[in-house]
PDB file of N, CA and C in Angstrom:
ATOM      1  N   MET A   1       0.833  -1.168   0.000  1.00  0.00           N
ATOM      2  CA  MET A   1       0.000   0.000   0.000  1.00  0.00           C
ATOM      3  C   MET A   1       0.885   1.242   0.000  1.00  0.00           C
ATOM      4  N   LEU A   2       0.455   2.269  -0.726  1.00  0.00           N
ATOM      5  CA  LEU A   2       1.211   3.506  -0.850  1.00  0.00           C
ATOM      6  C   LEU A   2       0.715   4.496   0.204  1.00  0.00           C
ATOM      7  N   TYR A   3       1.641   4.966   1.016  1.00  0.00           N
ATOM      8  CA  TYR A   3       1.279   5.913   2.054  1.00  0.00           C
ATOM      9  C   TYR A   3       1.653   7.324   1.610  1.00  0.00           C
ATOM     10  N   LYS A   4       0.769   8.240   1.892  1.00  0.00           N
ATOM     11  CA  LYS A   4       1.012   9.640   1.531  1.00  0.00           C
ATOM     12  C   LYS A   4       1.316  10.415   2.814  1.00  0.00           C
ATOM     13  N   ASN A   5       2.478  11.054   2.842  1.00  0.00           N
ATOM     14  CA  ASN A   5       2.847  11.833   4.014  1.00  0.00           C
ATOM     15  C   ASN A   5       2.302  13.249   3.886  1.00  0.00           C
ATOM     16  N   ALA A   6       1.739  13.745   4.938  1.00  0.00           N
ATOM     17  CA  ALA A   6       1.215  15.113   4.946  1.00  0.00           C
ATOM     18  C   ALA A   6       2.370  16.095   5.030  1.00  0.00           C
ATOM     19  N   ARG A   7       2.219  17.223   4.316  1.00  0.00           N
ATOM     20  CA  ARG A   7       3.253  18.259   4.418  1.00  0.00           C
ATOM     21  C   ARG A   7       3.142  18.927   5.776  1.00  0.00           C
ATOM     22  N   PRO A   8       4.266  19.245   6.341  1.00  0.00           N
ATOM     23  CA  PRO A   8       4.205  19.944   7.628  1.00  0.00           C
ATOM     24  C   PRO A   8       3.526  21.309   7.468  1.00  0.00           C
ATOM     25  N   GLY A   9       2.832  21.749   8.511  1.00  0.00           N
ATOM     26  CA  GLY A   9       2.076  22.994   8.467  1.00  0.00           C
ATOM     27  C   GLY A   9       2.947  24.222   8.279  1.00  0.00           C
ATOM     28  N   TYR A  10       4.153  24.207   8.775  1.00  0.00           N
ATOM     29  CA  TYR A  10       4.998  25.394   8.663  1.00  0.00           C
ATOM     30  C   TYR A  10       5.410  25.672   7.225  1.00  0.00           C
ATOM     31  N   LYS A  11       5.555  24.650   6.402  1.00  0.00           N
ATOM     32  CA  LYS A  11       5.910  24.873   5.000  1.00  0.00           C
ATOM     33  C   LYS A  11       4.765  25.557   4.258  1.00  0.00           C
ATOM     34  N   ARG A  12       3.561  25.127   4.542  1.00  0.00           N
ATOM     35  CA  ARG A  12       2.391  25.738   3.923  1.00  0.00           C
ATOM     36  C   ARG A  12       2.267  27.197   4.380  1.00  0.00           C
ATOM     37  N   PHE A  13       2.528  27.441   5.672  1.00  0.00           N
ATOM     38  CA  PHE A  13       2.475  28.798   6.215  1.00  0.00           C
ATOM     39  C   PHE A  13       3.520  29.696   5.554  1.00  0.00           C
ATOM     40  N   ILE A  14       4.726  29.207   5.379  1.00  0.00           N
ATOM     41  CA  ILE A  14       5.799  29.984   4.756  1.00  0.00           C
ATOM     42  C   ILE A  14       5.444  30.301   3.302  1.00  0.00           C
ATOM     43  N   LYS A  15       4.911  29.313   2.593  1.00  0.00           N
ATOM     44  CA  LYS A  15       4.545  29.532   1.200  1.00  0.00           C
ATOM     45  C   LYS A  15       3.438  30.579   1.069  1.00  0.00           C
ATOM     46  N   LYS A  16       2.404  30.504   1.889  1.00  0.00           N
ATOM     47  CA  LYS A  16       1.313  31.485   1.842  1.00  0.00           C
ATOM     48  C   LYS A  16       1.812  32.866   2.247  1.00  0.00           C
ATOM     49  N   SER A  17       2.639  32.934   3.265  1.00  0.00           N
ATOM     50  CA  SER A  17       3.179  34.217   3.721  1.00  0.00           C
ATOM     51  C   SER A  17       4.033  34.871   2.640  1.00  0.00           C
ATOM     52  N   ALA A  18       4.866  34.072   1.991  1.00  0.00           N
ATOM     53  CA  ALA A  18       5.713  34.618   0.926  1.00  0.00           C
ATOM     54  C   ALA A  18       4.855  35.120  -0.231  1.00  0.00           C
ATOM     55  N   THR A  19       3.806  34.396  -0.574  1.00  0.00           N
ATOM     56  CA  THR A  19       2.914  34.815  -1.655  1.00  0.00           C
ATOM     57  C   THR A  19       2.209  36.120  -1.302  1.00  0.00           C
ATOM     58  N   ILE A  20       1.722  36.222  -0.088  1.00  0.00           N
ATOM     59  CA  ILE A  20       1.027  37.438   0.354  1.00  0.00           C
ATOM     60  C   ILE A  20       1.987  38.621   0.385  1.00  0.00           C
ATOM     61  N   LEU A  21       3.183  38.419   0.914  1.00  0.00           N
ATOM     62  CA  LEU A  21       4.165  39.506   0.963  1.00  0.00           C
ATOM     63  C   LEU A  21       4.561  39.966  -0.433  1.00  0.00           C
ATOM     64  N   LEU A  22       4.715  39.041  -1.362  1.00  0.00           N
ATOM     65  CA  LEU A  22       5.035  39.405  -2.735  1.00  0.00           C
ATOM     66  C   LEU A  22       3.901  40.207  -3.369  1.00  0.00           C
ATOM     67  N   ALA A  23       2.665  39.796  -3.119  1.00  0.00           N
ATOM     68  CA  ALA A  23       1.519  40.523  -3.661  1.00  0.00           C
ATOM     69  C   ALA A  23       1.441  41.938  -3.087  1.00  0.00           C
ATOM     70  N   ILE A  24       1.702  42.081  -1.802  1.00  0.00           N
ATOM     71  CA  ILE A  24       1.697  43.406  -1.169  1.00  0.00           C
ATOM     72  C   ILE A  24       2.799  44.277  -1.741  1.00  0.00           C
ATOM     73  N   GLU A  25       3.962  43.685  -1.955  1.00  0.00           N
ATOM     74  CA  GLU A  25       5.083  44.433  -2.517  1.00  0.00           C
ATOM     75  C   GLU A  25       4.797  44.899  -3.948  1.00  0.00           C
ATOM     76  N   VAL A  26       4.217  44.036  -4.756  1.00  0.00           N
ATOM     77  CA  VAL A  26       3.870  44.405  -6.132  1.00  0.00           C
ATOM     78  C   VAL A  26       2.810  45.505  -6.135  1.00  0.00           C
ATOM     79  N   LEU A  27       1.811  45.398  -5.279  1.00  0.00           N
ATOM     80  CA  LEU A  27       0.775  46.426  -5.167  1.00  0.00           C
ATOM     81  C   LEU A  27       1.373  47.761  -4.720  1.00  0.00           C
ATOM     82  N   GLY A  28       2.256  47.719  -3.738  1.00  0.00           N
ATOM     83  CA  GLY A  28       2.916  48.943  -3.280  1.00  0.00           C
ATOM     84  C   GLY A  28       3.740  49.596  -4.376  1.00  0.00           C
ATOM     85  N   PHE A  29       4.445  48.801  -5.148  1.00  0.00           N
ATOM     86  CA  PHE A  29       5.227  49.337  -6.260  1.00  0.00           C
ATOM     87  C   PHE A  29       4.317  49.974  -7.306  1.00  0.00           C
ATOM     88  N   ALA A  30       3.197  49.319  -7.612  1.00  0.00           N
ATOM     89  CA  ALA A  30       2.263  49.853  -8.615  1.00  0.00           C
ATOM     90  C   ALA A  30       1.679  51.189  -8.165  1.00  0.00           C
ATOM     91  N   VAL A  31       1.304  51.297  -6.906  1.00  0.00           N
ATOM     92  CA  VAL A  31       0.747  52.548  -6.382  1.00  0.00           C
ATOM     93  C   VAL A  31       1.803  53.651  -6.397  1.00  0.00           C
ATOM     94  N   THR A  32       3.019  53.324  -6.003  1.00  0.00           N
ATOM     95  CA  THR A  32       4.100  54.302  -6.005  1.00  0.00           C
ATOM     96  C   THR A  32       4.408  54.775  -7.424  1.00  0.00           C
ATOM     97  N   TYR A  33       4.448  53.849  -8.364  1.00  0.00           N
ATOM     98  CA  TYR A  33       4.718  54.223  -9.746  1.00  0.00           C
ATOM     99  C   TYR A  33       3.602  55.104 -10.306  1.00  0.00           C
ATOM    100  N   ALA A  34       2.362  54.784  -9.980  1.00  0.00           N
ATOM    101  CA  ALA A  34       1.236  55.596 -10.457  1.00  0.00           C
ATOM    102  C   ALA A  34       1.328  57.020  -9.897  1.00  0.00           C
ATOM    103  N   GLY A  35       1.690  57.152  -8.633  1.00  0.00           N
ATOM    104  CA  GLY A  35       1.863  58.482  -8.043  1.00  0.00           C
ATOM    105  C   GLY A  35       3.004  59.242  -8.695  1.00  0.00           C
ATOM    106  N   TRP A  36       4.109  58.567  -8.947  1.00  0.00           N
ATOM    107  CA  TRP A  36       5.260  59.200  -9.598  1.00  0.00           C
ATOM    108  C   TRP A  36       4.898  59.652 -11.008  1.00  0.00           C
ATOM    109  N   GLN A  37       4.183  58.794 -11.731  1.00  0.00           N
ATOM    110  CA  GLN A  37       3.770  59.135 -13.092  1.00  0.00           C
ATOM    111  C   GLN A  37       2.854  60.362 -13.088  1.00  0.00           C
ATOM    112  N   ARG A  38       1.947  60.420 -12.123  1.00  0.00           N
ATOM    113  CA  ARG A  38       1.038  61.567 -12.038  1.00  0.00           C
ATOM    114  C   ARG A  38       1.795  62.843 -11.689  1.00  0.00           C
ATOM    115  N   LEU A  39       2.776  62.743 -10.791  1.00  0.00           N
ATOM    116  CA  LEU A  39       3.603  63.913 -10.470  1.00  0.00           C
ATOM    117  C   LEU A  39       4.384  64.374 -11.693  1.00  0.00           C
ATOM    118  N   ASN A  40       4.865  63.450 -12.491  1.00  0.00           N
ATOM    119  CA  ASN A  40       5.659  63.800 -13.668  1.00  0.00           C
ATOM    120  C   ASN A  40       4.848  64.462 -14.757  1.00  0.00           C
ATOM    121  N   THR A  41       3.584  64.124 -14.884  1.00  0.00           N
ATOM    122  CA  THR A  41       2.816  64.558 -16.044  1.00  0.00           C
ATOM    123  C   THR A  41       1.747  65.602 -15.753  1.00  0.00           C
ATOM    124  N   ASN A  42       1.449  65.888 -14.491  1.00  0.00           N
ATOM    125  CA  ASN A  42       0.317  66.748 -14.175  1.00  0.00           C
ATOM    126  C   ASN A  42       0.756  67.909 -13.271  1.00  0.00           C
ATOM    127  N   ARG A  43       0.853  69.097 -13.848  1.00  0.00           N
ATOM    128  CA  ARG A  43       1.279  70.264 -13.077  1.00  0.00           C
ATOM    129  C   ARG A  43       0.252  70.636 -12.007  1.00  0.00           C
ATOM    130  N   ASP A  44      -1.021  70.480 -12.298  1.00  0.00           N
ATOM    131  CA  ASP A  44      -2.049  70.776 -11.296  1.00  0.00           C
ATOM    132  C   ASP A  44      -1.928  69.858 -10.084  1.00  0.00           C
ATOM    133  N   PHE A  45      -1.601  68.603 -10.325  1.00  0.00           N
ATOM    134  CA  PHE A  45      -1.391  67.676  -9.215  1.00  0.00           C
ATOM    135  C   PHE A  45      -0.169  68.083  -8.403  1.00  0.00           C
ATOM    136  N   ARG A  46       0.897  68.525  -9.082  1.00  0.00           N
ATOM    137  CA  ARG A  46       2.078  69.004  -8.361  1.00  0.00           C
ATOM    138  C   ARG A  46       1.718  70.218  -7.507  1.00  0.00           C
ATOM    139  N   HIS A  47       0.857  71.091  -8.033  1.00  0.00           N
ATOM    140  CA  HIS A  47       0.438  72.271  -7.261  1.00  0.00           C
ATOM    141  C   HIS A  47      -0.375  71.842  -6.039  1.00  0.00           C
ATOM    142  N   TYR A  48      -1.250  70.859  -6.209  1.00  0.00           N
ATOM    143  CA  TYR A  48      -2.012  70.324  -5.082  1.00  0.00           C
ATOM    144  C   TYR A  48      -1.070  69.755  -4.019  1.00  0.00           C
ATOM    145  N   ILE A  49      -0.072  69.000  -4.468  1.00  0.00           N
ATOM    146  CA  ILE A  49       0.895  68.418  -3.526  1.00  0.00           C
ATOM    147  C   ILE A  49       1.693  69.527  -2.839  1.00  0.00           C
ATOM    148  N   LYS A  50       2.028  70.579  -3.577  1.00  0.00           N
ATOM    149  CA  LYS A  50       2.774  71.697  -2.990  1.00  0.00           C
ATOM    150  C   LYS A  50       1.968  72.362  -1.878  1.00  0.00           C
ATOM    151  N   GLU A  51       0.686  72.541  -2.121  1.00  0.00           N
ATOM    152  CA  GLU A  51      -0.165  73.199  -1.129  1.00  0.00           C
ATOM    153  C   GLU A  51      -0.411  72.323   0.098  1.00  0.00           C
ATOM    154  N   ASN A  52      -0.535  71.013  -0.097  1.00  0.00           N
ATOM    155  CA  ASN A  52      -0.930  70.135   0.995  1.00  0.00           C
ATOM    156  C   ASN A  52       0.194  69.291   1.586  1.00  0.00           C
ATOM    157  N   TYR A  53       1.170  68.921   0.774  1.00  0.00           N
ATOM    158  CA  TYR A  53       2.269  68.066   1.225  1.00  0.00           C
ATOM    159  C   TYR A  53       3.580  68.586   0.650  1.00  0.00           C
ATOM    160  N   PRO A  54       4.068  69.729   1.108  1.00  0.00           N
ATOM    161  CA  PRO A  54       5.251  70.334   0.489  1.00  0.00           C
ATOM    162  C   PRO A  54       6.520  69.477   0.607  1.00  0.00           C
ATOM    163  N   SER A  55       6.638  68.682   1.648  1.00  0.00           N
ATOM    164  CA  SER A  55       7.847  67.866   1.787  1.00  0.00           C
ATOM    165  C   SER A  55       7.914  66.787   0.699  1.00  0.00           C
ATOM    166  N   ILE A  56       6.773  66.265   0.294  1.00  0.00           N
ATOM    167  CA  ILE A  56       6.755  65.257  -0.771  1.00  0.00           C
ATOM    168  C   ILE A  56       7.213  65.883  -2.083  1.00  0.00           C
ATOM    169  N   LEU A  57       6.704  67.083  -2.385  1.00  0.00           N
ATOM    170  CA  LEU A  57       7.099  67.738  -3.626  1.00  0.00           C
ATOM    171  C   LEU A  57       8.574  68.115  -3.598  1.00  0.00           C
ATOM    172  N   GLU A  58       9.064  68.551  -2.454  1.00  0.00           N
ATOM    173  CA  GLU A  58      10.487  68.892  -2.340  1.00  0.00           C
ATOM    174  C   GLU A  58      11.352  67.653  -2.598  1.00  0.00           C
ATOM    175  N   ASN A  59      10.964  66.514  -2.038  1.00  0.00           N
ATOM    176  CA  ASN A  59      11.715  65.280  -2.282  1.00  0.00           C
ATOM    177  C   ASN A  59      11.632  64.861  -3.747  1.00  0.00           C
ATOM    178  N   TYR A  60      10.489  65.063  -4.367  1.00  0.00           N
ATOM    179  CA  TYR A  60      10.337  64.760  -5.805  1.00  0.00           C
ATOM    180  C   TYR A  60      11.303  65.612  -6.617  1.00  0.00           C
ATOM    181  N   TYR A  61      11.346  66.919  -6.332  1.00  0.00           N
ATOM    182  CA  TYR A  61      12.258  67.803  -7.056  1.00  0.00           C
ATOM    183  C   TYR A  61      13.716  67.428  -6.809  1.00  0.00           C
ATOM    184  N   GLN A  62      14.059  67.141  -5.560  1.00  0.00           N
ATOM    185  CA  GLN A  62      15.445  66.798  -5.236  1.00  0.00           C
ATOM    186  C   GLN A  62      15.888  65.523  -5.949  1.00  0.00           C
ATOM    187  N   LEU A  63      15.024  64.527  -5.988  1.00  0.00           N
ATOM    188  CA  LEU A  63      15.376  63.294  -6.680  1.00  0.00           C
ATOM    189  C   LEU A  63      15.534  63.542  -8.174  1.00  0.00           C
ATOM    190  N   GLY A  64      14.639  64.327  -8.745  1.00  0.00           N
ATOM    191  CA  GLY A  64      14.744  64.651 -10.169  1.00  0.00           C
ATOM    192  C   GLY A  64      16.007  65.422 -10.485  1.00  0.00           C
ATOM    193  N   GLU A  65      16.362  66.363  -9.620  1.00  0.00           N
ATOM    194  CA  GLU A  65      17.589  67.134  -9.828  1.00  0.00           C
ATOM    195  C   GLU A  65      18.821  66.255  -9.674  1.00  0.00           C
ATOM    196  N   TYR A  66      18.772  65.322  -8.746  1.00  0.00           N
ATOM    197  CA  TYR A  66      19.908  64.424  -8.549  1.00  0.00           C
ATOM    198  C   TYR A  66      20.089  63.506  -9.766  1.00  0.00           C
ATOM    199  N   LEU A  67      18.983  62.986 -10.278  1.00  0.00           N
ATOM    200  CA  LEU A  67      19.070  62.047 -11.401  1.00  0.00           C
ATOM    201  C   LEU A  67      19.397  62.734 -12.717  1.00  0.00           C
ATOM    202  N   SER A  68      18.790  63.908 -12.967  1.00  0.00           N
ATOM    203  CA  SER A  68      18.999  64.539 -14.270  1.00  0.00           C
ATOM    204  C   SER A  68      19.990  65.699 -14.215  1.00  0.00           C
ATOM    205  N   GLY A  69      20.165  66.308 -13.066  1.00  0.00           N
ATOM    206  CA  GLY A  69      21.138  67.372 -12.946  1.00  0.00           C
ATOM    207  C   GLY A  69      20.632  68.761 -13.318  1.00  0.00           C
ATOM    208  N   ASP A  70      19.354  68.908 -13.660  1.00  0.00           N
ATOM    209  CA  ASP A  70      18.848  70.247 -13.968  1.00  0.00           C
ATOM    210  C   ASP A  70      17.597  70.550 -13.146  1.00  0.00           C
ATOM    211  N   LYS A  71      17.289  71.840 -13.057  1.00  0.00           N
ATOM    212  CA  LYS A  71      16.171  72.296 -12.234  1.00  0.00           C
ATOM    213  C   LYS A  71      15.043  72.847 -13.091  1.00  0.00           C
ATOM    214  N   THR A  72      14.897  72.362 -14.296  1.00  0.00           N
ATOM    215  CA  THR A  72      13.930  72.968 -15.204  1.00  0.00           C
ATOM    216  C   THR A  72      12.496  72.770 -14.758  1.00  0.00           C
ATOM    217  N   ILE A  73      12.159  71.601 -14.219  1.00  0.00           N
ATOM    218  CA  ILE A  73      10.772  71.364 -13.804  1.00  0.00           C
ATOM    219  C   ILE A  73      10.410  72.283 -12.644  1.00  0.00           C
ATOM    220  N   ARG A  74      11.286  72.360 -11.648  1.00  0.00           N
ATOM    221  CA  ARG A  74      11.006  73.213 -10.485  1.00  0.00           C
ATOM    222  C   ARG A  74      10.868  74.678 -10.917  1.00  0.00           C
ATOM    223  N   ASN A  75      11.813  75.163 -11.713  1.00  0.00           N
ATOM    224  CA  ASN A  75      11.777  76.567 -12.135  1.00  0.00           C
ATOM    225  C   ASN A  75      10.556  76.868 -12.998  1.00  0.00           C
ATOM    226  N   HIS A  76      10.222  75.961 -13.894  1.00  0.00           N
ATOM    227  CA  HIS A  76       9.060  76.173 -14.759  1.00  0.00           C
ATOM    228  C   HIS A  76       7.763  76.161 -13.942  1.00  0.00           C
ATOM    229  N   ASP A  77       7.651  75.239 -13.002  1.00  0.00           N
ATOM    230  CA  ASP A  77       6.461  75.200 -12.146  1.00  0.00           C
ATOM    231  C   ASP A  77       6.315  76.488 -11.352  1.00  0.00           C
ATOM    232  N   GLU A  78       7.404  76.946 -10.747  1.00  0.00           N
ATOM    233  CA  GLU A  78       7.339  78.176  -9.952  1.00  0.00           C
ATOM    234  C   GLU A  78       6.953  79.371 -10.818  1.00  0.00           C
ATOM    235  N   LEU A  79       7.498  79.441 -12.023  1.00  0.00           N
ATOM    236  CA  LEU A  79       7.167  80.526 -12.936  1.00  0.00           C
ATOM    237  C   LEU A  79       5.683  80.503 -13.311  1.00  0.00           C
ATOM    238  N   VAL A  80       5.167  79.331 -13.646  1.00  0.00           N
ATOM    239  CA  VAL A  80       3.756  79.210 -14.024  1.00  0.00           C
ATOM    240  C   VAL A  80       2.860  79.544 -12.837  1.00  0.00           C
ATOM    241  N   TRP A  81       3.200  79.074 -11.645  1.00  0.00           N
ATOM    242  CA  TRP A  81       2.363  79.335 -10.476  1.00  0.00           C
ATOM    243  C   TRP A  81       2.383  80.812 -10.095  1.00  0.00           C
ATOM    244  N   LYS A  82       3.521  81.485 -10.257  1.00  0.00           N
ATOM    245  CA  LYS A  82       3.582  82.923  -9.991  1.00  0.00           C
ATOM    246  C   LYS A  82       2.725  83.689 -10.985  1.00  0.00           C
ATOM    247  N   GLN A  83       2.776  83.291 -12.258  1.00  0.00           N
ATOM    248  CA  GLN A  83       1.956  83.957 -13.275  1.00  0.00           C
ATOM    249  C   GLN A  83       0.470  83.729 -13.005  1.00  0.00           C
ATOM    250  N   GLU A  84       0.093  82.525 -12.620  1.00  0.00           N
ATOM    251  CA  GLU A  84      -1.304  82.241 -12.299  1.00  0.00           C
ATOM    252  C   GLU A  84      -1.760  83.060 -11.098  1.00  0.00           C
ATOM    253  N   LYS A  85      -0.890  83.156 -10.088  1.00  0.00           N
ATOM    254  CA  LYS A  85      -1.229  83.922  -8.889  1.00  0.00           C
ATOM    255  C   LYS A  85      -1.389  85.397  -9.233  1.00  0.00           C
ATOM    256  N   ALA A  86      -0.498  85.919 -10.080  1.00  0.00           N
ATOM    257  CA  ALA A  86      -0.580  87.325 -10.474  1.00  0.00           C
ATOM    258  C   ALA A  86      -1.837  87.585 -11.293  1.00  0.00           C
ATOM    259  N   SER A  87      -2.186  86.668 -12.179  1.00  0.00           N
ATOM    260  CA  SER A  87      -3.384  86.870 -12.992  1.00  0.00           C
ATOM    261  C   SER A  87      -4.636  86.762 -12.142  1.00  0.00           C
ATOM    262  N   LEU A  88      -4.633  85.903 -11.137  1.00  0.00           N
ATOM    263  CA  LEU A  88      -5.778  85.824 -10.230  1.00  0.00           C
ATOM    264  C   LEU A  88      -5.907  87.093  -9.395  1.00  0.00           C
ATOM    265  N   ALA A  89      -4.784  87.636  -8.955  1.00  0.00           N
ATOM    266  CA  ALA A  89      -4.812  88.881  -8.182  1.00  0.00           C
ATOM    267  C   ALA A  89      -5.301  90.031  -9.043  1.00  0.00           C
ATOM    268  N   ALA A  90      -4.868  90.084 -10.297  1.00  0.00           N
ATOM    269  CA  ALA A  90      -5.300  91.148 -11.200  1.00  0.00           C
ATOM    270  C   ALA A  90      -6.796  91.017 -11.486  1.00  0.00           C
ATOM    271  N   THR A  91      -7.269  89.820 -11.636  1.00  0.00           N
ATOM    272  CA  THR A  91      -8.697  89.588 -11.887  1.00  0.00           C
ATOM    273  C   THR A  91      -9.517  89.971 -10.666  1.00  0.00           C
ATOM    274  N   ALA A  92      -9.010  89.671  -9.498  1.00  0.00           N
ATOM    275  CA  ALA A  92      -9.736  90.010  -8.262  1.00  0.00           C
ATOM    276  C   ALA A  92      -9.824  91.507  -8.059  1.00  0.00           C
ATOM    277  N   THR A  93      -8.784  92.245  -8.389  1.00  0.00           N
ATOM    278  CA  THR A  93      -8.816  93.703  -8.200  1.00  0.00           C
ATOM    279  C   THR A  93      -9.695  94.387  -9.248  1.00  0.00           C
ATOM    280  N   THR A  94      -9.767  93.861 -10.447  1.00  0.00           N
ATOM    281  CA  THR A  94     -10.597  94.475 -11.485  1.00  0.00           C
ATOM    282  C   THR A  94     -12.070  94.151 -11.281  1.00  0.00           C
ATOM    283  N   SER A  95     -12.379  93.068 -10.597  1.00  0.00           N
ATOM    284  CA  SER A  95     -13.786  92.707 -10.408  1.00  0.00           C
ATOM    285  C   SER A  95     -14.402  93.445  -9.225  1.00  0.00           C
ATOM    286  N   LYS A  96     -13.609  94.111  -8.408  1.00  0.00           N
ATOM    287  CA  LYS A  96     -14.148  94.826  -7.229  1.00  0.00           C
ATOM    288  C   LYS A  96     -14.709  96.127  -7.611  1.00  0.00           C
TER     289      LYS A  96
END
């Protein structure tokens, strides 16, 4: 007669734990990449992050400057936001 030995419970636990941890890691990477992509492509989102989470935007700029060596995104964003602020102020004073 052929006897079948049961797998020990700890091996099954390790396998399930490793699978769950891998899935969590992949999900975390996907969410992080989606946030990075949105920061890279959407100036309005960067402005929202600047207003609400300035340290995140500062780290984004610092990493970009470290990797590429130029400050064009930061300077262009600041220029556009200053122009928008000035145009809003001019509109507010003319409407009074």
